[in-house]
Amino acid sequence: MQKLSMDELQRTDVESFKKQEKTPIAIIMDNVRSMHNVGSAFRTADGFAIEKIYLCGITGTPPHREIEKTALGATQSVDWEYHQDTTAVVDQLRSEGYVIVAIEQADNSVMLQEFAPENNQKYALIFGNEVNGVDEEVMRKIDTCIEIPQYGTKHSFNVSVAIGIILWDFIQKRNSN
């Protein structure tokens, strides 16, 4: 077995990527403090052709050296906006027909393996602060909450890992329907 070269991968260029159809998912980053996590979110969003990222509250924004270190240029390909108020973004996206989903450990959360995204539905996925999670005020505005099952001693995944797990799961389930 031999790894594929960059030419063999036949990746699209940024301009073509911007024009291609996107997966109807928006990522909302609610007060994420680590620039590396923000950069990772951009890179993962690019990999899954996600519609847009909303950076909210204290979440850092491009251009920033630490974001670019992990984004590897994805800040140029993935659409994004900054908003101070996460709840305003939630209200805006709900009015545009998105189902608002927090990724959090909460009462009445739905385990990821039990959640079945609808093919024709748009989703806004909220990922919270590395210590405090999704803000309580934001939690009062969600439609549902998804929890990633965990089997070890830690109580949470790194936010960038959670984004990868959730997006991969959503894409797999959508493509198998």
N, C-alpha and C. Protein backbone atom coordinates (compact mmCIF):
# COMPACT_ATOMS: atom_id res chain seq x y z
N MET A 1 0.85 -1.17 0.00
CA MET A 1 0.00 0.00 0.00
C MET A 1 0.89 1.23 0.00
N GLN A 2 0.47 2.23 -0.78
CA GLN A 2 1.24 3.45 -0.88
C GLN A 2 0.31 4.66 -0.70
N LYS A 3 0.77 5.65 0.03
CA LYS A 3 -0.03 6.85 0.23
C LYS A 3 -0.24 7.56 -1.10
N LEU A 4 -1.38 8.25 -1.22
CA LEU A 4 -1.67 9.03 -2.42
C LEU A 4 -0.91 10.35 -2.37
N SER A 5 -0.45 10.79 -3.53
CA SER A 5 0.21 12.09 -3.60
C SER A 5 -0.85 13.19 -3.61
N MET A 6 -0.43 14.43 -3.44
CA MET A 6 -1.37 15.55 -3.47
C MET A 6 -2.09 15.62 -4.81
N ASP A 7 -1.41 15.35 -5.89
CA ASP A 7 -2.06 15.35 -7.22
C ASP A 7 -3.11 14.26 -7.32
N GLU A 8 -2.81 13.08 -6.79
CA GLU A 8 -3.75 11.95 -6.85
C GLU A 8 -5.00 12.19 -6.00
N LEU A 9 -4.90 13.03 -4.97
CA LEU A 9 -6.05 13.33 -4.13
C LEU A 9 -7.09 14.19 -4.86
N GLN A 10 -6.65 14.93 -5.85
CA GLN A 10 -7.52 15.77 -6.69
C GLN A 10 -8.44 16.66 -5.85
N ARG A 11 -7.86 17.38 -4.91
CA ARG A 11 -8.63 18.29 -4.08
C ARG A 11 -9.05 19.50 -4.89
N THR A 12 -10.21 20.01 -4.56
CA THR A 12 -10.73 21.19 -5.23
C THR A 12 -9.99 22.44 -4.74
N ASP A 13 -9.97 23.49 -5.54
CA ASP A 13 -9.36 24.74 -5.09
C ASP A 13 -10.39 25.55 -4.31
N VAL A 14 -9.95 26.60 -3.64
CA VAL A 14 -10.80 27.39 -2.76
C VAL A 14 -11.99 27.98 -3.51
N GLU A 15 -11.77 28.53 -4.69
CA GLU A 15 -12.86 29.14 -5.45
C GLU A 15 -13.92 28.11 -5.84
N SER A 16 -13.50 26.94 -6.27
CA SER A 16 -14.45 25.88 -6.61
C SER A 16 -15.19 25.40 -5.38
N PHE A 17 -14.47 25.29 -4.26
CA PHE A 17 -15.10 24.86 -3.01
C PHE A 17 -16.19 25.84 -2.60
N LYS A 18 -15.92 27.13 -2.71
CA LYS A 18 -16.90 28.14 -2.32
C LYS A 18 -18.18 28.03 -3.14
N LYS A 19 -18.08 27.55 -4.37
CA LYS A 19 -19.24 27.45 -5.27
C LYS A 19 -19.98 26.12 -5.14
N GLN A 20 -19.35 25.11 -4.57
CA GLN A 20 -19.98 23.79 -4.52
C GLN A 20 -21.10 23.76 -3.49
N GLU A 21 -22.01 22.81 -3.66
CA GLU A 21 -23.10 22.63 -2.70
C GLU A 21 -22.53 22.20 -1.35
N LYS A 22 -23.06 22.79 -0.30
CA LYS A 22 -22.57 22.50 1.06
C LYS A 22 -23.56 21.64 1.82
N THR A 23 -23.06 20.97 2.83
CA THR A 23 -23.91 20.23 3.76
C THR A 23 -24.65 21.28 4.59
N PRO A 24 -25.98 21.19 4.70
CA PRO A 24 -26.75 22.25 5.37
C PRO A 24 -26.64 22.20 6.90
N ILE A 25 -25.41 22.40 7.34
CA ILE A 25 -25.11 22.44 8.78
C ILE A 25 -24.32 23.71 9.05
N ALA A 26 -24.74 24.41 10.11
CA ALA A 26 -23.98 25.55 10.61
C ALA A 26 -23.40 25.14 11.96
N ILE A 27 -22.16 25.52 12.19
CA ILE A 27 -21.51 25.30 13.47
C ILE A 27 -21.55 26.62 14.23
N ILE A 28 -22.01 26.57 15.47
CA ILE A 28 -21.97 27.74 16.35
C ILE A 28 -20.98 27.43 17.46
N MET A 29 -19.95 28.25 17.57
CA MET A 29 -18.95 28.08 18.62
C MET A 29 -19.24 29.13 19.69
N ASP A 30 -19.73 28.67 20.83
CA ASP A 30 -20.18 29.52 21.92
C ASP A 30 -19.09 29.70 22.96
N ASN A 31 -18.38 30.82 22.88
CA ASN A 31 -17.34 31.15 23.87
C ASN A 31 -16.22 30.12 23.95
N VAL A 32 -15.77 29.64 22.82
CA VAL A 32 -14.65 28.70 22.78
C VAL A 32 -13.36 29.51 22.92
N ARG A 33 -12.56 29.18 23.91
CA ARG A 33 -11.41 30.02 24.23
C ARG A 33 -10.13 29.66 23.48
N SER A 34 -9.98 28.42 23.07
CA SER A 34 -8.73 27.99 22.43
C SER A 34 -8.73 28.28 20.93
N MET A 35 -7.75 29.03 20.50
CA MET A 35 -7.60 29.34 19.07
C MET A 35 -7.33 28.06 18.27
N HIS A 36 -6.65 27.09 18.90
CA HIS A 36 -6.39 25.83 18.20
C HIS A 36 -7.69 25.07 17.95
N ASN A 37 -8.61 25.12 18.90
CA ASN A 37 -9.92 24.49 18.69
C ASN A 37 -10.69 25.19 17.58
N VAL A 38 -10.59 26.51 17.51
CA VAL A 38 -11.26 27.25 16.44
C VAL A 38 -10.66 26.85 15.09
N GLY A 39 -9.35 26.79 15.01
CA GLY A 39 -8.70 26.38 13.77
C GLY A 39 -9.08 24.98 13.36
N SER A 40 -9.15 24.08 14.32
CA SER A 40 -9.56 22.70 14.05
C SER A 40 -10.99 22.66 13.52
N ALA A 41 -11.87 23.48 14.08
CA ALA A 41 -13.26 23.53 13.61
C ALA A 41 -13.31 23.94 12.15
N PHE A 42 -12.50 24.93 11.76
CA PHE A 42 -12.46 25.35 10.36
C PHE A 42 -11.99 24.22 9.46
N ARG A 43 -10.94 23.54 9.87
CA ARG A 43 -10.38 22.46 9.05
C ARG A 43 -11.38 21.32 8.89
N THR A 44 -12.07 20.97 9.98
CA THR A 44 -13.07 19.91 9.93
C THR A 44 -14.27 20.34 9.09
N ALA A 45 -14.70 21.59 9.25
CA ALA A 45 -15.81 22.12 8.46
C ALA A 45 -15.49 22.09 6.97
N ASP A 46 -14.26 22.38 6.62
CA ASP A 46 -13.83 22.30 5.23
C ASP A 46 -13.89 20.85 4.75
N GLY A 47 -13.39 19.94 5.56
CA GLY A 47 -13.35 18.53 5.18
C GLY A 47 -14.72 17.94 4.92
N PHE A 48 -15.74 18.42 5.63
CA PHE A 48 -17.10 17.92 5.46
C PHE A 48 -17.98 18.88 4.66
N ALA A 49 -17.38 19.93 4.09
CA ALA A 49 -18.10 20.93 3.27
C ALA A 49 -19.32 21.48 4.02
N ILE A 50 -19.07 21.95 5.22
CA ILE A 50 -20.11 22.52 6.06
C ILE A 50 -20.42 23.94 5.59
N GLU A 51 -21.68 24.33 5.73
CA GLU A 51 -22.17 25.60 5.22
C GLU A 51 -21.48 26.84 5.82
N LYS A 52 -21.39 26.91 7.15
CA LYS A 52 -20.88 28.13 7.77
C LYS A 52 -20.53 27.89 9.23
N ILE A 53 -19.61 28.70 9.74
CA ILE A 53 -19.26 28.71 11.15
C ILE A 53 -19.61 30.08 11.72
N TYR A 54 -20.25 30.06 12.89
CA TYR A 54 -20.55 31.29 13.63
C TYR A 54 -19.68 31.29 14.88
N LEU A 55 -18.83 32.28 15.00
CA LEU A 55 -17.93 32.43 16.13
C LEU A 55 -18.56 33.46 17.07
N CYS A 56 -18.83 33.05 18.31
CA CYS A 56 -19.60 33.90 19.21
C CYS A 56 -18.90 34.15 20.54
N GLY A 57 -19.21 35.31 21.13
CA GLY A 57 -18.68 35.66 22.45
C GLY A 57 -17.19 35.84 22.43
N ILE A 58 -16.49 35.12 23.31
CA ILE A 58 -15.03 35.26 23.42
C ILE A 58 -14.27 34.42 22.38
N THR A 59 -15.00 33.70 21.54
CA THR A 59 -14.35 32.86 20.53
C THR A 59 -13.49 33.73 19.61
N GLY A 60 -12.25 33.33 19.40
CA GLY A 60 -11.34 34.08 18.55
C GLY A 60 -11.73 34.00 17.09
N THR A 61 -11.26 34.97 16.32
CA THR A 61 -11.59 35.03 14.90
C THR A 61 -10.32 35.14 14.05
N PRO A 62 -10.41 34.66 12.81
CA PRO A 62 -9.31 34.89 11.87
C PRO A 62 -9.23 36.38 11.53
N PRO A 63 -8.11 36.86 11.10
CA PRO A 63 -6.85 36.13 11.02
C PRO A 63 -6.16 36.09 12.39
N HIS A 64 -5.66 34.97 12.73
CA HIS A 64 -4.91 34.79 13.97
C HIS A 64 -3.94 33.63 13.77
N ARG A 65 -2.71 33.84 14.16
CA ARG A 65 -1.65 32.86 13.93
C ARG A 65 -1.99 31.48 14.49
N GLU A 66 -2.55 31.43 15.70
CA GLU A 66 -2.86 30.13 16.31
C GLU A 66 -4.04 29.44 15.62
N ILE A 67 -4.98 30.21 15.12
CA ILE A 67 -6.09 29.62 14.36
C ILE A 67 -5.56 29.04 13.06
N GLU A 68 -4.75 29.81 12.37
CA GLU A 68 -4.21 29.37 11.07
C GLU A 68 -3.32 28.14 11.21
N LYS A 69 -2.65 28.02 12.35
CA LYS A 69 -1.75 26.88 12.57
C LYS A 69 -2.49 25.55 12.42
N THR A 70 -3.73 25.48 12.91
CA THR A 70 -4.50 24.23 12.79
C THR A 70 -5.48 24.26 11.64
N ALA A 71 -5.91 25.43 11.21
CA ALA A 71 -6.87 25.52 10.10
C ALA A 71 -6.23 25.20 8.75
N LEU A 72 -4.94 25.44 8.62
CA LEU A 72 -4.20 25.18 7.38
C LEU A 72 -4.88 25.78 6.15
N GLY A 73 -5.37 27.02 6.28
CA GLY A 73 -5.97 27.70 5.14
C GLY A 73 -7.48 27.58 5.05
N ALA A 74 -8.10 26.76 5.90
CA ALA A 74 -9.55 26.57 5.82
C ALA A 74 -10.33 27.83 6.20
N THR A 75 -9.69 28.80 6.82
CA THR A 75 -10.38 30.06 7.11
C THR A 75 -10.67 30.82 5.82
N GLN A 76 -9.98 30.44 4.75
CA GLN A 76 -10.22 31.06 3.44
C GLN A 76 -11.35 30.37 2.68
N SER A 77 -11.58 29.10 2.97
CA SER A 77 -12.58 28.34 2.21
C SER A 77 -13.94 28.26 2.90
N VAL A 78 -13.97 28.25 4.22
CA VAL A 78 -15.22 28.10 4.97
C VAL A 78 -15.78 29.47 5.31
N ASP A 79 -17.05 29.70 4.98
CA ASP A 79 -17.71 30.95 5.34
C ASP A 79 -17.85 31.04 6.85
N TRP A 80 -17.70 32.24 7.39
CA TRP A 80 -17.84 32.44 8.83
C TRP A 80 -18.28 33.85 9.13
N GLU A 81 -18.84 34.01 10.32
CA GLU A 81 -19.24 35.32 10.84
C GLU A 81 -18.94 35.35 12.32
N TYR A 82 -18.68 36.55 12.83
CA TYR A 82 -18.53 36.74 14.27
C TYR A 82 -19.76 37.49 14.80
N HIS A 83 -20.26 37.03 15.96
CA HIS A 83 -21.34 37.72 16.67
C HIS A 83 -21.02 37.67 18.16
N GLN A 84 -21.22 38.75 18.85
CA GLN A 84 -21.00 38.78 20.29
C GLN A 84 -22.02 37.91 21.01
N ASP A 85 -23.28 37.95 20.56
CA ASP A 85 -24.38 37.31 21.26
C ASP A 85 -24.81 36.01 20.58
N THR A 86 -24.53 34.90 21.23
CA THR A 86 -24.89 33.59 20.68
C THR A 86 -26.39 33.44 20.53
N THR A 87 -27.16 33.95 21.49
CA THR A 87 -28.61 33.80 21.42
C THR A 87 -29.19 34.50 20.19
N ALA A 88 -28.60 35.62 19.79
CA ALA A 88 -29.07 36.32 18.59
C ALA A 88 -28.84 35.46 17.34
N VAL A 89 -27.70 34.75 17.30
CA VAL A 89 -27.41 33.84 16.18
C VAL A 89 -28.43 32.69 16.17
N VAL A 90 -28.71 32.14 17.33
CA VAL A 90 -29.69 31.06 17.44
C VAL A 90 -31.05 31.53 16.92
N ASP A 91 -31.48 32.72 17.34
CA ASP A 91 -32.76 33.26 16.89
C ASP A 91 -32.77 33.46 15.36
N GLN A 92 -31.68 33.99 14.83
CA GLN A 92 -31.57 34.22 13.39
C GLN A 92 -31.66 32.90 12.62
N LEU A 93 -30.89 31.90 13.04
CA LEU A 93 -30.87 30.63 12.33
C LEU A 93 -32.21 29.90 12.45
N ARG A 94 -32.86 30.00 13.61
CA ARG A 94 -34.19 29.39 13.75
C ARG A 94 -35.16 30.03 12.75
N SER A 95 -35.09 31.34 12.59
CA SER A 95 -35.99 32.02 11.65
C SER A 95 -35.70 31.62 10.21
N GLU A 96 -34.50 31.09 9.96
CA GLU A 96 -34.12 30.62 8.63
C GLU A 96 -34.40 29.13 8.45
N GLY A 97 -35.05 28.51 9.43
CA GLY A 97 -35.46 27.11 9.30
C GLY A 97 -34.51 26.07 9.83
N TYR A 98 -33.50 26.48 10.57
CA TYR A 98 -32.56 25.53 11.16
C TYR A 98 -33.14 24.92 12.43
N VAL A 99 -32.86 23.63 12.65
CA VAL A 99 -33.12 23.00 13.94
C VAL A 99 -31.89 23.30 14.80
N ILE A 100 -32.12 23.79 16.00
CA ILE A 100 -31.04 24.23 16.89
C ILE A 100 -30.69 23.08 17.84
N VAL A 101 -29.43 22.62 17.76
CA VAL A 101 -28.98 21.45 18.52
C VAL A 101 -27.74 21.80 19.32
N ALA A 102 -27.84 21.64 20.63
CA ALA A 102 -26.65 21.79 21.48
C ALA A 102 -25.97 20.44 21.59
N ILE A 103 -24.65 20.46 21.61
CA ILE A 103 -23.88 19.26 21.88
C ILE A 103 -23.42 19.42 23.33
N GLU A 104 -24.08 18.68 24.22
CA GLU A 104 -23.89 18.93 25.65
C GLU A 104 -24.39 17.74 26.45
N GLN A 105 -23.93 17.66 27.69
CA GLN A 105 -24.44 16.67 28.63
C GLN A 105 -25.53 17.37 29.43
N ALA A 106 -26.77 16.93 29.24
CA ALA A 106 -27.91 17.61 29.87
C ALA A 106 -29.02 16.60 30.14
N ASP A 107 -29.93 16.99 31.04
CA ASP A 107 -31.09 16.12 31.25
C ASP A 107 -31.89 16.07 29.96
N ASN A 108 -32.42 14.94 29.65
CA ASN A 108 -33.21 14.71 28.44
C ASN A 108 -32.41 14.82 27.14
N SER A 109 -31.07 14.76 27.23
CA SER A 109 -30.29 14.76 25.99
C SER A 109 -30.51 13.43 25.26
N VAL A 110 -30.28 13.46 23.96
CA VAL A 110 -30.41 12.27 23.12
C VAL A 110 -29.00 11.76 22.83
N MET A 111 -28.77 10.50 23.06
CA MET A 111 -27.45 9.95 22.76
C MET A 111 -27.23 9.98 21.24
N LEU A 112 -26.02 10.29 20.85
CA LEU A 112 -25.70 10.48 19.44
C LEU A 112 -26.16 9.31 18.57
N GLN A 113 -25.94 8.09 19.02
CA GLN A 113 -26.30 6.93 18.20
C GLN A 113 -27.82 6.81 18.02
N GLU A 114 -28.60 7.48 18.85
CA GLU A 114 -30.06 7.43 18.74
C GLU A 114 -30.63 8.59 17.93
N PHE A 115 -29.82 9.58 17.63
CA PHE A 115 -30.31 10.75 16.90
C PHE A 115 -30.28 10.48 15.40
N ALA A 116 -31.38 10.74 14.74
CA ALA A 116 -31.48 10.51 13.29
C ALA A 116 -31.77 11.84 12.59
N PRO A 117 -30.74 12.48 12.03
CA PRO A 117 -30.99 13.73 11.32
C PRO A 117 -31.83 13.49 10.07
N GLU A 118 -32.73 14.42 9.79
CA GLU A 118 -33.56 14.32 8.59
C GLU A 118 -32.76 14.85 7.40
N ASN A 119 -32.88 14.18 6.26
CA ASN A 119 -32.10 14.54 5.08
C ASN A 119 -32.32 15.96 4.59
N ASN A 120 -33.55 16.44 4.61
CA ASN A 120 -33.84 17.75 4.03
C ASN A 120 -33.86 18.86 5.07
N GLN A 121 -33.38 18.59 6.26
CA GLN A 121 -33.42 19.57 7.34
C GLN A 121 -32.07 20.26 7.49
N LYS A 122 -32.10 21.54 7.81
CA LYS A 122 -30.89 22.29 8.13
C LYS A 122 -30.69 22.25 9.64
N TYR A 123 -29.43 22.09 10.07
CA TYR A 123 -29.11 22.00 11.49
C TYR A 123 -28.07 23.05 11.88
N ALA A 124 -28.26 23.65 13.05
CA ALA A 124 -27.26 24.51 13.67
C ALA A 124 -26.77 23.78 14.91
N LEU A 125 -25.51 23.42 14.92
CA LEU A 125 -24.91 22.64 15.99
C LEU A 125 -24.08 23.56 16.88
N ILE A 126 -24.42 23.61 18.17
CA ILE A 126 -23.76 24.51 19.10
C ILE A 126 -22.74 23.74 19.94
N PHE A 127 -21.51 24.22 19.91
CA PHE A 127 -20.43 23.66 20.71
C PHE A 127 -19.97 24.73 21.69
N GLY A 128 -19.83 24.36 22.97
CA GLY A 128 -19.58 25.35 24.00
C GLY A 128 -18.15 25.45 24.47
N ASN A 129 -17.99 26.31 25.46
CA ASN A 129 -16.73 26.59 26.10
C ASN A 129 -16.10 25.31 26.66
N GLU A 130 -14.78 25.26 26.61
CA GLU A 130 -14.04 24.08 27.03
C GLU A 130 -14.23 23.71 28.50
N VAL A 131 -14.56 24.66 29.34
CA VAL A 131 -14.76 24.39 30.77
C VAL A 131 -16.24 24.37 31.13
N ASN A 132 -16.98 25.37 30.69
CA ASN A 132 -18.37 25.54 31.12
C ASN A 132 -19.42 25.01 30.13
N GLY A 133 -18.99 24.58 28.95
CA GLY A 133 -19.94 24.06 27.97
C GLY A 133 -20.79 25.15 27.35
N VAL A 134 -21.94 24.76 26.83
CA VAL A 134 -22.86 25.70 26.19
C VAL A 134 -23.52 26.53 27.29
N ASP A 135 -23.57 27.83 27.07
CA ASP A 135 -24.15 28.77 28.03
C ASP A 135 -25.60 28.41 28.37
N GLU A 136 -25.98 28.57 29.64
CA GLU A 136 -27.33 28.23 30.10
C GLU A 136 -28.41 29.00 29.34
N GLU A 137 -28.17 30.27 29.05
CA GLU A 137 -29.15 31.07 28.31
C GLU A 137 -29.36 30.49 26.91
N VAL A 138 -28.29 30.02 26.30
CA VAL A 138 -28.37 29.40 24.97
C VAL A 138 -29.13 28.08 25.08
N MET A 139 -28.85 27.31 26.14
CA MET A 139 -29.52 26.02 26.34
C MET A 139 -31.04 26.17 26.42
N ARG A 140 -31.52 27.29 26.92
CA ARG A 140 -32.96 27.52 27.01
C ARG A 140 -33.61 27.75 25.64
N LYS A 141 -32.79 27.96 24.61
CA LYS A 141 -33.32 28.26 23.28
C LYS A 141 -33.20 27.11 22.28
N ILE A 142 -32.63 25.98 22.70
CA ILE A 142 -32.38 24.89 21.75
C ILE A 142 -33.64 24.07 21.49
N ASP A 143 -33.62 23.36 20.36
CA ASP A 143 -34.69 22.42 20.03
C ASP A 143 -34.42 21.04 20.61
N THR A 144 -33.15 20.66 20.63
CA THR A 144 -32.77 19.36 21.19
C THR A 144 -31.30 19.40 21.58
N CYS A 145 -30.90 18.37 22.31
CA CYS A 145 -29.53 18.28 22.79
C CYS A 145 -29.00 16.88 22.49
N ILE A 146 -27.83 16.83 21.91
CA ILE A 146 -27.18 15.54 21.61
C ILE A 146 -26.00 15.37 22.55
N GLU A 147 -25.87 14.17 23.08
CA GLU A 147 -24.75 13.83 23.94
C GLU A 147 -23.94 12.72 23.29
N ILE A 148 -22.63 12.88 23.30
CA ILE A 148 -21.73 11.84 22.79
C ILE A 148 -21.46 10.87 23.92
N PRO A 149 -21.75 9.57 23.74
CA PRO A 149 -21.49 8.62 24.83
C PRO A 149 -19.99 8.53 25.10
N GLN A 150 -19.66 8.35 26.37
CA GLN A 150 -18.27 8.24 26.79
C GLN A 150 -18.14 7.09 27.78
N TYR A 151 -17.01 6.44 27.75
CA TYR A 151 -16.83 5.22 28.53
C TYR A 151 -15.62 5.25 29.45
N GLY A 152 -14.93 6.37 29.50
CA GLY A 152 -13.73 6.46 30.32
C GLY A 152 -13.94 7.27 31.58
N THR A 153 -12.86 7.80 32.12
CA THR A 153 -12.91 8.53 33.38
C THR A 153 -13.14 10.03 33.20
N LYS A 154 -12.95 10.56 32.02
CA LYS A 154 -13.13 12.00 31.77
C LYS A 154 -14.60 12.28 31.51
N HIS A 155 -14.99 13.51 31.72
CA HIS A 155 -16.39 13.89 31.59
C HIS A 155 -16.72 14.59 30.29
N SER A 156 -15.72 14.78 29.43
CA SER A 156 -16.00 15.45 28.16
C SER A 156 -14.88 15.18 27.17
N PHE A 157 -15.21 15.42 25.89
CA PHE A 157 -14.21 15.39 24.83
C PHE A 157 -13.73 16.81 24.58
N ASN A 158 -12.55 16.94 24.04
CA ASN A 158 -12.10 18.24 23.57
C ASN A 158 -13.11 18.72 22.52
N VAL A 159 -13.38 20.01 22.49
CA VAL A 159 -14.40 20.55 21.59
C VAL A 159 -14.09 20.23 20.12
N SER A 160 -12.83 20.27 19.73
CA SER A 160 -12.50 19.97 18.33
C SER A 160 -12.75 18.50 18.01
N VAL A 161 -12.53 17.63 18.97
CA VAL A 161 -12.82 16.21 18.79
C VAL A 161 -14.33 16.00 18.70
N ALA A 162 -15.08 16.67 19.57
CA ALA A 162 -16.55 16.56 19.55
C ALA A 162 -17.11 17.02 18.20
N ILE A 163 -16.55 18.10 17.66
CA ILE A 163 -17.00 18.58 16.34
C ILE A 163 -16.77 17.50 15.29
N GLY A 164 -15.60 16.89 15.30
CA GLY A 164 -15.31 15.83 14.33
C GLY A 164 -16.24 14.64 14.46
N ILE A 165 -16.49 14.21 15.68
CA ILE A 165 -17.37 13.06 15.92
C ILE A 165 -18.78 13.36 15.43
N ILE A 166 -19.31 14.50 15.83
CA ILE A 166 -20.68 14.87 15.48
C ILE A 166 -20.84 15.03 13.97
N LEU A 167 -19.93 15.76 13.33
CA LEU A 167 -20.06 15.98 11.89
C LEU A 167 -19.94 14.67 11.11
N TRP A 168 -18.99 13.82 11.48
CA TRP A 168 -18.86 12.54 10.79
C TRP A 168 -20.15 11.73 10.93
N ASP A 169 -20.70 11.70 12.14
CA ASP A 169 -21.92 10.95 12.38
C ASP A 169 -23.08 11.51 11.55
N PHE A 170 -23.25 12.83 11.55
CA PHE A 170 -24.32 13.46 10.77
C PHE A 170 -24.18 13.13 9.29
N ILE A 171 -22.97 13.26 8.76
CA ILE A 171 -22.73 13.02 7.33
C ILE A 171 -23.02 11.56 7.00
N GLN A 172 -22.56 10.63 7.83
CA GLN A 172 -22.80 9.22 7.59
C GLN A 172 -24.29 8.88 7.58
N LYS A 173 -25.00 9.40 8.56
CA LYS A 173 -26.44 9.13 8.65
C LYS A 173 -27.20 9.75 7.49
N ARG A 174 -26.85 10.95 7.10
CA ARG A 174 -27.52 11.63 5.98
C ARG A 174 -27.26 10.87 4.67
N ASN A 175 -26.03 10.41 4.48
CA ASN A 175 -25.67 9.73 3.23
C ASN A 175 -26.25 8.32 3.14
N SER A 176 -26.61 7.73 4.29
CA SER A 176 -27.14 6.36 4.26
C SER A 176 -28.66 6.33 4.12
N ASN A 177 -29.29 7.50 4.20
CA ASN A 177 -30.77 7.55 4.06
C ASN A 177 -31.19 7.63 2.61
